[in-house]
Amino acid sequence: MHVITRKTLREFWLKHPDAQEPLEAWYRLTKKAKWANLTQTRADFPHADPYGKCTIFNIGGNKYRLVTSIHYNRQRVYIVSVLTHKEYDKEKWKNACNC
């Protein structure tokens, strides 16, 4: 999978240093993946959840949320946002998922 863009992950972990290790681990695994659907994604990340056109990942023991848009046909994962649990609970990210 081609992750667009790692810069967004980096910007987040500069503000939240404890997110760096789990975000880098997510990135490394995702970059090597060749997912064709959510079932395959969940084989690597069992708690990946669909929401509208997005897939949400729990990061750092559920402390953070990574909102993505996965285009399986093009093997691309777009980072929509990386959020603290408090930011995620405000649900502003839902607009980006076409829900």
PDB file of N, CA and C in Angstrom:
ATOM      1  N   MET A   1       0.845  -1.173   0.000  1.00  0.00           N
ATOM      2  CA  MET A   1       0.000   0.000   0.000  1.00  0.00           C
ATOM      3  C   MET A   1       0.897   1.246   0.000  1.00  0.00           C
ATOM      4  N   HIS A   2       0.445   2.235  -0.707  1.00  0.00           N
ATOM      5  CA  HIS A   2       1.138   3.515  -0.728  1.00  0.00           C
ATOM      6  C   HIS A   2       0.404   4.428   0.257  1.00  0.00           C
ATOM      7  N   VAL A   3       1.106   4.880   1.284  1.00  0.00           N
ATOM      8  CA  VAL A   3       0.492   5.721   2.314  1.00  0.00           C
ATOM      9  C   VAL A   3       0.713   7.178   1.973  1.00  0.00           C
ATOM     10  N   ILE A   4      -0.390   7.912   1.917  1.00  0.00           N
ATOM     11  CA  ILE A   4      -0.342   9.339   1.574  1.00  0.00           C
ATOM     12  C   ILE A   4      -0.959  10.112   2.746  1.00  0.00           C
ATOM     13  N   THR A   5      -0.244  10.724   3.490  1.00  0.00           N
ATOM     14  CA  THR A   5       1.167  10.997   3.487  1.00  0.00           C
ATOM     15  C   THR A   5       1.734  10.762   4.888  1.00  0.00           C
ATOM     16  N   ARG A   6       2.947  10.287   4.925  1.00  0.00           N
ATOM     17  CA  ARG A   6       3.632  10.030   6.196  1.00  0.00           C
ATOM     18  C   ARG A   6       3.855  11.325   6.970  1.00  0.00           C
ATOM     19  N   LYS A   7       3.953  12.415   6.263  1.00  0.00           N
ATOM     20  CA  LYS A   7       4.178  13.722   6.895  1.00  0.00           C
ATOM     21  C   LYS A   7       3.098  14.024   7.935  1.00  0.00           C
ATOM     22  N   THR A   8       1.858  13.664   7.648  1.00  0.00           N
ATOM     23  CA  THR A   8       0.760  13.899   8.585  1.00  0.00           C
ATOM     24  C   THR A   8       0.987  13.126   9.884  1.00  0.00           C
ATOM     25  N   LEU A   9       1.475  11.897   9.758  1.00  0.00           N
ATOM     26  CA  LEU A   9       1.775  11.100  10.943  1.00  0.00           C
ATOM     27  C   LEU A   9       2.889  11.761  11.757  1.00  0.00           C
ATOM     28  N   ARG A  10       3.916  12.187  11.060  1.00  0.00           N
ATOM     29  CA  ARG A  10       5.064  12.822  11.721  1.00  0.00           C
ATOM     30  C   ARG A  10       4.651  14.095  12.451  1.00  0.00           C
ATOM     31  N   GLU A  11       3.844  14.908  11.824  1.00  0.00           N
ATOM     32  CA  GLU A  11       3.385  16.144  12.460  1.00  0.00           C
ATOM     33  C   GLU A  11       2.619  15.844  13.748  1.00  0.00           C
ATOM     34  N   PHE A  12       1.850  14.752  13.737  1.00  0.00           N
ATOM     35  CA  PHE A  12       1.091  14.397  14.925  1.00  0.00           C
ATOM     36  C   PHE A  12       2.017  13.931  16.043  1.00  0.00           C
ATOM     37  N   TRP A  13       2.985  13.065  15.718  1.00  0.00           N
ATOM     38  CA  TRP A  13       3.819  12.555  16.794  1.00  0.00           C
ATOM     39  C   TRP A  13       4.796  13.597  17.323  1.00  0.00           C
ATOM     40  N   LEU A  14       5.044  14.657  16.576  1.00  0.00           N
ATOM     41  CA  LEU A  14       5.850  15.749  17.133  1.00  0.00           C
ATOM     42  C   LEU A  14       5.091  16.450  18.257  1.00  0.00           C
ATOM     43  N   LYS A  15       3.772  16.491  18.169  1.00  0.00           N
ATOM     44  CA  LYS A  15       2.927  17.074  19.223  1.00  0.00           C
ATOM     45  C   LYS A  15       2.637  16.059  20.328  1.00  0.00           C
ATOM     46  N   HIS A  16       2.635  14.779  19.970  1.00  0.00           N
ATOM     47  CA  HIS A  16       2.305  13.686  20.899  1.00  0.00           C
ATOM     48  C   HIS A  16       3.393  12.616  20.766  1.00  0.00           C
ATOM     49  N   PRO A  17       4.546  12.823  21.417  1.00  0.00           N
ATOM     50  CA  PRO A  17       5.685  11.924  21.238  1.00  0.00           C
ATOM     51  C   PRO A  17       5.401  10.444  21.521  1.00  0.00           C
ATOM     52  N   ASP A  18       4.482  10.156  22.421  1.00  0.00           N
ATOM     53  CA  ASP A  18       4.188   8.756  22.708  1.00  0.00           C
ATOM     54  C   ASP A  18       3.448   8.067  21.561  1.00  0.00           C
ATOM     55  N   ALA A  19       2.995   8.836  20.584  1.00  0.00           N
ATOM     56  CA  ALA A  19       2.318   8.263  19.413  1.00  0.00           C
ATOM     57  C   ALA A  19       3.317   7.841  18.329  1.00  0.00           C
ATOM     58  N   GLN A  20       4.560   8.262  18.437  1.00  0.00           N
ATOM     59  CA  GLN A  20       5.521   7.981  17.370  1.00  0.00           C
ATOM     60  C   GLN A  20       5.711   6.486  17.130  1.00  0.00           C
ATOM     61  N   GLU A  21       6.010   5.733  18.159  1.00  0.00           N
ATOM     62  CA  GLU A  21       6.280   4.304  17.975  1.00  0.00           C
ATOM     63  C   GLU A  21       5.080   3.564  17.375  1.00  0.00           C
ATOM     64  N   PRO A  22       3.856   3.721  17.923  1.00  0.00           N
ATOM     65  CA  PRO A  22       2.738   2.996  17.318  1.00  0.00           C
ATOM     66  C   PRO A  22       2.385   3.482  15.911  1.00  0.00           C
ATOM     67  N   LEU A  23       2.560   4.768  15.627  1.00  0.00           N
ATOM     68  CA  LEU A  23       2.285   5.258  14.270  1.00  0.00           C
ATOM     69  C   LEU A  23       3.323   4.744  13.276  1.00  0.00           C
ATOM     70  N   GLU A  24       4.576   4.705  13.692  1.00  0.00           N
ATOM     71  CA  GLU A  24       5.605   4.160  12.805  1.00  0.00           C
ATOM     72  C   GLU A  24       5.381   2.670  12.562  1.00  0.00           C
ATOM     73  N   ALA A  25       4.959   1.946  13.584  1.00  0.00           N
ATOM     74  CA  ALA A  25       4.673   0.519  13.417  1.00  0.00           C
ATOM     75  C   ALA A  25       3.504   0.336  12.448  1.00  0.00           C
ATOM     76  N   TRP A  26       2.456   1.148  12.595  1.00  0.00           N
ATOM     77  CA  TRP A  26       1.314   1.088  11.675  1.00  0.00           C
ATOM     78  C   TRP A  26       1.785   1.371  10.251  1.00  0.00           C
ATOM     79  N   TYR A  27       2.599   2.406  10.089  1.00  0.00           N
ATOM     80  CA  TYR A  27       3.089   2.791   8.773  1.00  0.00           C
ATOM     81  C   TYR A  27       3.901   1.672   8.121  1.00  0.00           C
ATOM     82  N   ARG A  28       4.846   1.092   8.877  1.00  0.00           N
ATOM     83  CA  ARG A  28       5.692   0.026   8.322  1.00  0.00           C
ATOM     84  C   ARG A  28       4.855  -1.167   7.858  1.00  0.00           C
ATOM     85  N   LEU A  29       3.902  -1.583   8.681  1.00  0.00           N
ATOM     86  CA  LEU A  29       3.077  -2.733   8.323  1.00  0.00           C
ATOM     87  C   LEU A  29       2.177  -2.408   7.136  1.00  0.00           C
ATOM     88  N   THR A  30       1.601  -1.233   7.129  1.00  0.00           N
ATOM     89  CA  THR A  30       0.688  -0.831   6.059  1.00  0.00           C
ATOM     90  C   THR A  30       1.433  -0.697   4.736  1.00  0.00           C
ATOM     91  N   LYS A  31       2.614  -0.142   4.776  1.00  0.00           N
ATOM     92  CA  LYS A  31       3.397   0.049   3.552  1.00  0.00           C
ATOM     93  C   LYS A  31       3.716  -1.284   2.868  1.00  0.00           C
ATOM     94  N   LYS A  32       3.895  -2.341   3.649  1.00  0.00           N
ATOM     95  CA  LYS A  32       4.205  -3.660   3.100  1.00  0.00           C
ATOM     96  C   LYS A  32       2.958  -4.434   2.683  1.00  0.00           C
ATOM     97  N   ALA A  33       1.803  -4.004   3.147  1.00  0.00           N
ATOM     98  CA  ALA A  33       0.552  -4.740   2.906  1.00  0.00           C
ATOM     99  C   ALA A  33       0.103  -4.645   1.449  1.00  0.00           C
ATOM    100  N   LYS A  34      -0.701  -5.620   1.071  1.00  0.00           N
ATOM    101  CA  LYS A  34      -1.326  -5.647  -0.256  1.00  0.00           C
ATOM    102  C   LYS A  34      -2.803  -5.992  -0.061  1.00  0.00           C
ATOM    103  N   TRP A  35      -3.468  -5.217   0.772  1.00  0.00           N
ATOM    104  CA  TRP A  35      -4.859  -5.484   1.104  1.00  0.00           C
ATOM    105  C   TRP A  35      -5.778  -5.319  -0.101  1.00  0.00           C
ATOM    106  N   ALA A  36      -6.765  -6.186  -0.196  1.00  0.00           N
ATOM    107  CA  ALA A  36      -7.784  -6.086  -1.244  1.00  0.00           C
ATOM    108  C   ALA A  36      -9.142  -5.720  -0.672  1.00  0.00           C
ATOM    109  N   ASN A  37      -9.278  -5.775   0.664  1.00  0.00           N
ATOM    110  CA  ASN A  37     -10.566  -5.480   1.296  1.00  0.00           C
ATOM    111  C   ASN A  37     -10.378  -5.331   2.803  1.00  0.00           C
ATOM    112  N   LEU A  38     -11.462  -4.977   3.483  1.00  0.00           N
ATOM    113  CA  LEU A  38     -11.406  -4.762   4.925  1.00  0.00           C
ATOM    114  C   LEU A  38     -11.047  -6.042   5.681  1.00  0.00           C
ATOM    115  N   THR A  39     -11.484  -7.170   5.212  1.00  0.00           N
ATOM    116  CA  THR A  39     -11.165  -8.434   5.872  1.00  0.00           C
ATOM    117  C   THR A  39      -9.653  -8.638   5.935  1.00  0.00           C
ATOM    118  N   GLN A  40      -8.968  -8.348   4.845  1.00  0.00           N
ATOM    119  CA  GLN A  40      -7.511  -8.475   4.829  1.00  0.00           C
ATOM    120  C   GLN A  40      -6.857  -7.422   5.725  1.00  0.00           C
ATOM    121  N   THR A  41      -7.426  -6.226   5.743  1.00  0.00           N
ATOM    122  CA  THR A  41      -6.913  -5.172   6.616  1.00  0.00           C
ATOM    123  C   THR A  41      -7.022  -5.624   8.070  1.00  0.00           C
ATOM    124  N   ARG A  42      -8.150  -6.214   8.416  1.00  0.00           N
ATOM    125  CA  ARG A  42      -8.368  -6.677   9.791  1.00  0.00           C
ATOM    126  C   ARG A  42      -7.485  -7.859  10.165  1.00  0.00           C
ATOM    127  N   ALA A  43      -6.958  -8.565   9.198  1.00  0.00           N
ATOM    128  CA  ALA A  43      -6.007  -9.631   9.510  1.00  0.00           C
ATOM    129  C   ALA A  43      -4.759  -9.029  10.152  1.00  0.00           C
ATOM    130  N   ASP A  44      -4.384  -7.831   9.725  1.00  0.00           N
ATOM    131  CA  ASP A  44      -3.236  -7.126  10.301  1.00  0.00           C
ATOM    132  C   ASP A  44      -3.634  -6.240  11.478  1.00  0.00           C
ATOM    133  N   PHE A  45      -4.815  -5.645  11.389  1.00  0.00           N
ATOM    134  CA  PHE A  45      -5.312  -4.724  12.418  1.00  0.00           C
ATOM    135  C   PHE A  45      -6.740  -5.129  12.783  1.00  0.00           C
ATOM    136  N   PRO A  46      -6.896  -6.059  13.717  1.00  0.00           N
ATOM    137  CA  PRO A  46      -8.224  -6.605  14.038  1.00  0.00           C
ATOM    138  C   PRO A  46      -9.266  -5.563  14.457  1.00  0.00           C
ATOM    139  N   HIS A  47      -8.818  -4.430  14.977  1.00  0.00           N
ATOM    140  CA  HIS A  47      -9.768  -3.423  15.442  1.00  0.00           C
ATOM    141  C   HIS A  47     -10.004  -2.308  14.433  1.00  0.00           C
ATOM    142  N   ALA A  48      -9.622  -2.525  13.188  1.00  0.00           N
ATOM    143  CA  ALA A  48      -9.899  -1.544  12.131  1.00  0.00           C
ATOM    144  C   ALA A  48     -11.406  -1.548  11.883  1.00  0.00           C
ATOM    145  N   ASP A  49     -11.997  -0.363  11.930  1.00  0.00           N
ATOM    146  CA  ASP A  49     -13.452  -0.261  11.786  1.00  0.00           C
ATOM    147  C   ASP A  49     -13.831   0.632  10.613  1.00  0.00           C
ATOM    148  N   PRO A  50     -14.787   0.191   9.823  1.00  0.00           N
ATOM    149  CA  PRO A  50     -15.271   1.031   8.728  1.00  0.00           C
ATOM    150  C   PRO A  50     -16.247   2.077   9.263  1.00  0.00           C
ATOM    151  N   TYR A  51     -16.215   3.242   8.658  1.00  0.00           N
ATOM    152  CA  TYR A  51     -17.206   4.275   8.941  1.00  0.00           C
ATOM    153  C   TYR A  51     -17.373   5.082   7.662  1.00  0.00           C
ATOM    154  N   GLY A  52     -18.519   4.944   7.021  1.00  0.00           N
ATOM    155  CA  GLY A  52     -18.715   5.600   5.731  1.00  0.00           C
ATOM    156  C   GLY A  52     -17.650   5.141   4.762  1.00  0.00           C
ATOM    157  N   LYS A  53     -16.932   6.090   4.177  1.00  0.00           N
ATOM    158  CA  LYS A  53     -15.866   5.764   3.234  1.00  0.00           C
ATOM    159  C   LYS A  53     -14.498   5.688   3.905  1.00  0.00           C
ATOM    160  N   CYS A  54     -14.496   5.666   5.221  1.00  0.00           N
ATOM    161  CA  CYS A  54     -13.244   5.665   5.972  1.00  0.00           C
ATOM    162  C   CYS A  54     -13.030   4.351   6.709  1.00  0.00           C
ATOM    163  N   THR A  55     -11.773   4.142   7.085  1.00  0.00           N
ATOM    164  CA  THR A  55     -11.406   3.053   7.986  1.00  0.00           C
ATOM    165  C   THR A  55     -10.664   3.696   9.145  1.00  0.00           C
ATOM    166  N   ILE A  56     -11.102   3.351  10.359  1.00  0.00           N
ATOM    167  CA  ILE A  56     -10.552   3.933  11.573  1.00  0.00           C
ATOM    168  C   ILE A  56      -9.666   2.900  12.259  1.00  0.00           C
ATOM    169  N   PHE A  57      -8.470   3.313  12.641  1.00  0.00           N
ATOM    170  CA  PHE A  57      -7.527   2.452  13.345  1.00  0.00           C
ATOM    171  C   PHE A  57      -7.313   2.976  14.764  1.00  0.00           C
ATOM    172  N   ASN A  58      -7.274   2.072  15.727  1.00  0.00           N
ATOM    173  CA  ASN A  58      -6.888   2.413  17.094  1.00  0.00           C
ATOM    174  C   ASN A  58      -5.371   2.419  17.143  1.00  0.00           C
ATOM    175  N   ILE A  59      -4.815   3.470  17.718  1.00  0.00           N
ATOM    176  CA  ILE A  59      -3.365   3.622  17.778  1.00  0.00           C
ATOM    177  C   ILE A  59      -2.948   3.827  19.234  1.00  0.00           C
ATOM    178  N   GLY A  60      -1.888   3.188  19.609  1.00  0.00           N
ATOM    179  CA  GLY A  60      -1.341   3.400  20.950  1.00  0.00           C
ATOM    180  C   GLY A  60      -2.253   2.903  22.052  1.00  0.00           C
ATOM    181  N   GLY A  61      -2.762   1.695  21.889  1.00  0.00           N
ATOM    182  CA  GLY A  61      -3.630   1.134  22.919  1.00  0.00           C
ATOM    183  C   GLY A  61      -4.939   1.878  23.061  1.00  0.00           C
ATOM    184  N   ASN A  62      -5.456   2.328  21.923  1.00  0.00           N
ATOM    185  CA  ASN A  62      -6.740   3.028  21.871  1.00  0.00           C
ATOM    186  C   ASN A  62      -6.662   4.472  22.380  1.00  0.00           C
ATOM    187  N   LYS A  63      -5.447   4.988  22.544  1.00  0.00           N
ATOM    188  CA  LYS A  63      -5.277   6.368  23.004  1.00  0.00           C
ATOM    189  C   LYS A  63      -5.509   7.366  21.869  1.00  0.00           C
ATOM    190  N   TYR A  64      -5.185   6.938  20.648  1.00  0.00           N
ATOM    191  CA  TYR A  64      -5.325   7.793  19.472  1.00  0.00           C
ATOM    192  C   TYR A  64      -6.143   7.085  18.407  1.00  0.00           C
ATOM    193  N   ARG A  65      -6.656   7.875  17.464  1.00  0.00           N
ATOM    194  CA  ARG A  65      -7.411   7.331  16.346  1.00  0.00           C
ATOM    195  C   ARG A  65      -6.786   7.836  15.050  1.00  0.00           C
ATOM    196  N   LEU A  66      -6.625   6.908  14.124  1.00  0.00           N
ATOM    197  CA  LEU A  66      -6.108   7.223  12.803  1.00  0.00           C
ATOM    198  C   LEU A  66      -7.252   7.013  11.817  1.00  0.00           C
ATOM    199  N   VAL A  67      -7.689   8.090  11.186  1.00  0.00           N
ATOM    200  CA  VAL A  67      -8.797   8.037  10.232  1.00  0.00           C
ATOM    201  C   VAL A  67      -8.186   8.024   8.836  1.00  0.00           C
ATOM    202  N   THR A  68      -8.541   6.994   8.059  1.00  0.00           N
ATOM    203  CA  THR A  68      -7.967   6.830   6.727  1.00  0.00           C
ATOM    204  C   THR A  68      -9.063   6.598   5.690  1.00  0.00           C
ATOM    205  N   SER A  69      -8.677   6.791   4.463  1.00  0.00           N
ATOM    206  CA  SER A  69      -9.520   6.419   3.328  1.00  0.00           C
ATOM    207  C   SER A  69      -8.687   5.446   2.498  1.00  0.00           C
ATOM    208  N   ILE A  70      -9.124   4.194   2.443  1.00  0.00           N
ATOM    209  CA  ILE A  70      -8.353   3.169   1.753  1.00  0.00           C
ATOM    210  C   ILE A  70      -8.964   2.899   0.378  1.00  0.00           C
ATOM    211  N   HIS A  71      -8.135   3.033  -0.641  1.00  0.00           N
ATOM    212  CA  HIS A  71      -8.537   2.742  -2.015  1.00  0.00           C
ATOM    213  C   HIS A  71      -7.844   1.443  -2.410  1.00  0.00           C
ATOM    214  N   TYR A  72      -8.533   0.349  -2.145  1.00  0.00           N
ATOM    215  CA  TYR A  72      -7.940  -0.975  -2.372  1.00  0.00           C
ATOM    216  C   TYR A  72      -7.563  -1.196  -3.835  1.00  0.00           C
ATOM    217  N   ASN A  73      -8.391  -0.699  -4.747  1.00  0.00           N
ATOM    218  CA  ASN A  73      -8.125  -0.913  -6.172  1.00  0.00           C
ATOM    219  C   ASN A  73      -6.840  -0.221  -6.637  1.00  0.00           C
ATOM    220  N   ARG A  74      -6.456   0.853  -5.977  1.00  0.00           N
ATOM    221  CA  ARG A  74      -5.240   1.578  -6.339  1.00  0.00           C
ATOM    222  C   ARG A  74      -4.098   1.342  -5.351  1.00  0.00           C
ATOM    223  N   GLN A  75      -4.372   0.529  -4.307  1.00  0.00           N
ATOM    224  CA  GLN A  75      -3.375   0.231  -3.285  1.00  0.00           C
ATOM    225  C   GLN A  75      -2.848   1.499  -2.622  1.00  0.00           C
ATOM    226  N   ARG A  76      -3.805   2.369  -2.257  1.00  0.00           N
ATOM    227  CA  ARG A  76      -3.440   3.623  -1.597  1.00  0.00           C
ATOM    228  C   ARG A  76      -4.225   3.797  -0.311  1.00  0.00           C
ATOM    229  N   VAL A  77      -3.533   4.322   0.701  1.00  0.00           N
ATOM    230  CA  VAL A  77      -4.161   4.665   1.972  1.00  0.00           C
ATOM    231  C   VAL A  77      -3.934   6.158   2.178  1.00  0.00           C
ATOM    232  N   TYR A  78      -5.016   6.910   2.212  1.00  0.00           N
ATOM    233  CA  TYR A  78      -4.944   8.347   2.447  1.00  0.00           C
ATOM    234  C   TYR A  78      -5.194   8.617   3.922  1.00  0.00           C
ATOM    235  N   ILE A  79      -4.303   9.375   4.541  1.00  0.00           N
ATOM    236  CA  ILE A  79      -4.488   9.757   5.927  1.00  0.00           C
ATOM    237  C   ILE A  79      -5.474  10.925   5.944  1.00  0.00           C
ATOM    238  N   VAL A  80      -6.618  10.718   6.560  1.00  0.00           N
ATOM    239  CA  VAL A  80      -7.619  11.779   6.687  1.00  0.00           C
ATOM    240  C   VAL A  80      -7.271  12.634   7.899  1.00  0.00           C
ATOM    241  N   SER A  81      -7.029  11.984   9.037  1.00  0.00           N
ATOM    242  CA  SER A  81      -6.606  12.703  10.232  1.00  0.00           C
ATOM    243  C   SER A  81      -6.099  11.743  11.284  1.00  0.00           C
ATOM    244  N   VAL A  82      -5.288  12.286  12.179  1.00  0.00           N
ATOM    245  CA  VAL A  82      -4.815  11.561  13.350  1.00  0.00           C
ATOM    246  C   VAL A  82      -5.300  12.384  14.536  1.00  0.00           C
ATOM    247  N   LEU A  83      -5.979  11.721  15.454  1.00  0.00           N
ATOM    248  CA  LEU A  83      -6.663  12.449  16.517  1.00  0.00           C
ATOM    249  C   LEU A  83      -6.419  11.832  17.890  1.00  0.00           C
ATOM    250  N   THR A  84      -6.451  12.690  18.901  1.00  0.00           N
ATOM    251  CA  THR A  84      -6.504  12.165  20.256  1.00  0.00           C
ATOM    252  C   THR A  84      -7.918  11.622  20.451  1.00  0.00           C
ATOM    253  N   HIS A  85      -8.117  10.846  21.476  1.00  0.00           N
ATOM    254  CA  HIS A  85      -9.450  10.290  21.717  1.00  0.00           C
ATOM    255  C   HIS A  85     -10.455  11.425  21.959  1.00  0.00           C
ATOM    256  N   LYS A  86     -10.023  12.467  22.640  1.00  0.00           N
ATOM    257  CA  LYS A  86     -10.896  13.612  22.921  1.00  0.00           C
ATOM    258  C   LYS A  86     -11.313  14.319  21.625  1.00  0.00           C
ATOM    259  N   GLU A  87     -10.362  14.506  20.712  1.00  0.00           N
ATOM    260  CA  GLU A  87     -10.672  15.123  19.416  1.00  0.00           C
ATOM    261  C   GLU A  87     -11.601  14.229  18.603  1.00  0.00           C
ATOM    262  N   TYR A  88     -11.336  12.948  18.627  1.00  0.00           N
ATOM    263  CA  TYR A  88     -12.156  11.974  17.895  1.00  0.00           C
ATOM    264  C   TYR A  88     -13.601  12.021  18.380  1.00  0.00           C
ATOM    265  N   ASP A  89     -13.788  12.130  19.681  1.00  0.00           N
ATOM    266  CA  ASP A  89     -15.136  12.140  20.261  1.00  0.00           C
ATOM    267  C   ASP A  89     -15.964  13.347  19.830  1.00  0.00           C
ATOM    268  N   LYS A  90     -15.320  14.396  19.350  1.00  0.00           N
ATOM    269  CA  LYS A  90     -16.054  15.576  18.857  1.00  0.00           C
ATOM    270  C   LYS A  90     -16.716  15.313  17.512  1.00  0.00           C
ATOM    271  N   GLU A  91     -16.292  14.258  16.831  1.00  0.00           N
ATOM    272  CA  GLU A  91     -16.874  13.759  15.586  1.00  0.00           C
ATOM    273  C   GLU A  91     -16.774  14.700  14.384  1.00  0.00           C
ATOM    274  N   LYS A  92     -15.885  15.673  14.417  1.00  0.00           N
ATOM    275  CA  LYS A  92     -15.711  16.561  13.268  1.00  0.00           C
ATOM    276  C   LYS A  92     -15.132  15.825  12.065  1.00  0.00           C
ATOM    277  N   TRP A  93     -14.423  14.735  12.316  1.00  0.00           N
ATOM    278  CA  TRP A  93     -13.800  13.939  11.264  1.00  0.00           C
ATOM    279  C   TRP A  93     -14.830  13.273  10.367  1.00  0.00           C
ATOM    280  N   LYS A  94     -16.058  13.118  10.847  1.00  0.00           N
ATOM    281  CA  LYS A  94     -17.086  12.404  10.087  1.00  0.00           C
ATOM    282  C   LYS A  94     -17.400  13.081   8.758  1.00  0.00           C
ATOM    283  N   ASN A  95     -17.266  14.379   8.667  1.00  0.00           N
ATOM    284  CA  ASN A  95     -17.528  15.093   7.412  1.00  0.00           C
ATOM    285  C   ASN A  95     -16.611  14.612   6.295  1.00  0.00           C
ATOM    286  N   ALA A  96     -15.382  14.267   6.639  1.00  0.00           N
ATOM    287  CA  ALA A  96     -14.412  13.808   5.637  1.00  0.00           C
ATOM    288  C   ALA A  96     -14.712  12.397   5.139  1.00  0.00           C
ATOM    289  N   CYS A  97     -15.565  11.689   5.848  1.00  0.00           N
ATOM    290  CA  CYS A  97     -15.860  10.288   5.487  1.00  0.00           C
ATOM    291  C   CYS A  97     -17.154  10.156   4.680  1.00  0.00           C
ATOM    292  N   ASN A  98     -17.724  11.271   4.274  1.00  0.00           N
ATOM    293  CA  ASN A  98     -18.950  11.280   3.462  1.00  0.00           C
ATOM    294  C   ASN A  98     -20.079  10.494   4.111  1.00  0.00           C
ATOM    295  N   CYS A  99     -20.346  10.803   5.336  1.00  0.00           N
ATOM    296  CA  CYS A  99     -21.411  10.102   6.059  1.00  0.00           C
ATOM    297  C   CYS A  99     -22.606  11.012   6.263  1.00  0.00           C
TER     298      CYS A  99
END
